[in-house]
Protein backbone atom coordinates (compact mmCIF):
# COMPACT_ATOMS: atom_id res chain seq x y z
CA MET A 1 -8.15 9.85 30.86
CA GLY A 2 -7.74 8.66 34.49
CA SER A 3 -4.58 9.45 36.35
CA ILE A 4 -1.99 6.75 36.86
CA ASN A 5 -0.20 6.83 40.18
CA SER A 6 3.26 5.55 41.03
CA TRP A 7 1.82 2.05 41.38
CA GLY A 8 0.86 2.21 37.71
CA ARG A 9 -2.54 0.64 38.24
CA GLY A 10 -4.68 3.72 38.71
CA GLU A 11 -5.45 2.78 42.30
CA PRO A 12 -4.14 4.16 45.58
CA PRO A 13 -1.12 2.47 47.15
CA PRO A 14 -1.89 -0.10 49.84
CA ARG A 15 -2.17 1.20 53.39
CA PRO A 16 0.20 -0.18 55.99
CA PRO A 17 -1.28 -2.80 58.31
CA LYS A 18 -3.02 -1.65 61.46
CA CYS A 19 -1.40 -2.04 64.85
CA PRO A 20 -3.03 -5.06 66.52
CA THR A 21 -3.04 -3.29 69.88
CA CYS A 22 -4.30 0.22 69.20
CA GLY A 23 -5.74 -0.07 65.67
CA SER A 24 -3.69 2.82 64.28
CA PHE A 25 -1.71 2.48 61.09
CA ALA A 26 1.64 1.43 62.42
CA ILE A 27 5.11 1.51 60.97
CA PRO A 28 6.98 -1.71 61.77
CA PRO A 29 9.73 -1.34 64.39
CA ARG A 30 13.33 -1.43 63.23
CA HIS A 31 14.92 -3.89 65.63
CA GLN A 32 14.95 -7.41 64.18
CA ALA A 33 13.40 -9.09 67.22
CA GLU A 34 10.56 -6.55 67.23
CA ILE A 35 10.11 -6.92 63.47
CA ILE A 36 9.65 -10.67 63.85
CA LYS A 37 7.05 -10.25 66.57
CA TRP A 38 5.29 -7.42 64.71
CA HIS A 39 4.93 -9.45 61.51
CA ARG A 40 3.89 -12.60 63.37
CA GLU A 41 1.13 -10.67 65.13
CA ARG A 42 0.18 -8.88 61.89
CA MET A 43 -0.44 -12.28 60.32
CA GLY A 44 -2.39 -13.50 63.35
CA LEU A 45 0.05 -16.36 64.01
CA THR A 46 0.97 -17.82 67.37
CA GLN A 47 4.60 -18.54 68.12
CA ALA A 48 3.80 -22.23 67.67
CA ALA A 49 2.15 -21.64 64.28
CA LEU A 50 5.11 -19.60 63.03
CA GLY A 51 7.47 -22.26 64.37
CA GLU A 52 5.62 -24.95 62.43
CA ARG A 53 6.00 -22.96 59.22
CA VAL A 54 9.77 -22.71 59.60
CA GLY A 55 10.45 -26.02 61.35
CA VAL A 56 11.23 -24.95 64.93
CA LYS A 57 9.48 -25.11 68.32
CA ALA A 58 7.50 -22.20 69.76
CA HIS A 59 10.19 -21.47 72.36
CA GLN A 60 12.70 -20.82 69.55
CA VAL A 61 10.35 -18.23 68.03
CA GLY A 62 10.11 -16.64 71.49
CA ASN A 63 13.91 -16.48 71.62
CA TRP A 64 13.98 -14.78 68.21
CA GLU A 65 11.41 -12.24 69.40
CA ARG A 66 13.69 -11.35 72.32
CA GLU A 67 17.15 -11.67 70.75
CA GLY A 68 16.78 -11.75 66.96
CA VAL A 69 17.94 -14.46 64.55
CA ASP A 70 21.58 -15.23 63.85
CA SER A 71 21.01 -17.65 60.95
CA LEU A 72 20.70 -16.31 57.40
CA PHE A 73 18.82 -19.48 56.46
CA ARG A 74 16.18 -18.81 59.14
CA CYS A 75 16.00 -15.12 58.17
CA ARG A 76 15.24 -16.15 54.59
CA GLN A 77 12.53 -18.53 55.79
CA LEU A 78 10.94 -15.87 58.00
CA ALA A 79 11.06 -13.24 55.27
CA GLY A 80 9.31 -15.70 52.94
CA VAL A 81 6.59 -16.48 55.49
CA PHE A 82 6.06 -12.77 56.20
CA GLY A 83 6.14 -11.80 52.52
CA ILE A 84 8.84 -9.18 53.06
CA ALA A 85 12.26 -8.52 51.60
CA LEU A 86 15.17 -10.21 53.39
CA LEU A 87 16.82 -6.81 53.90
CA GLU A 88 13.78 -5.59 55.82
CA LEU A 89 14.35 -8.39 58.31
CA ILE A 90 18.15 -8.32 58.62
CA GLY A 91 18.50 -4.55 58.54
CA GLU A 92 20.96 -2.31 56.83
């Protein structure tokens, strides 16, 4: 009988995404602004493309990548686009 791991599917857990700059397996940064940029780059999106998905201009995405997001509504949208839990984006 094959072993079942913690994923319950008999397959190894997924590896984290590779860093787009150095190619190593990277752990996403903790600061919200860096998390937004990290996930946008992980998905291969431009600021304009991410902005289109959530209904804002590219310069607003740039602001978020420098300062973070202060709207829970926008955080929920971004978490949905990135496929992550809201808490991962807004922190502890």
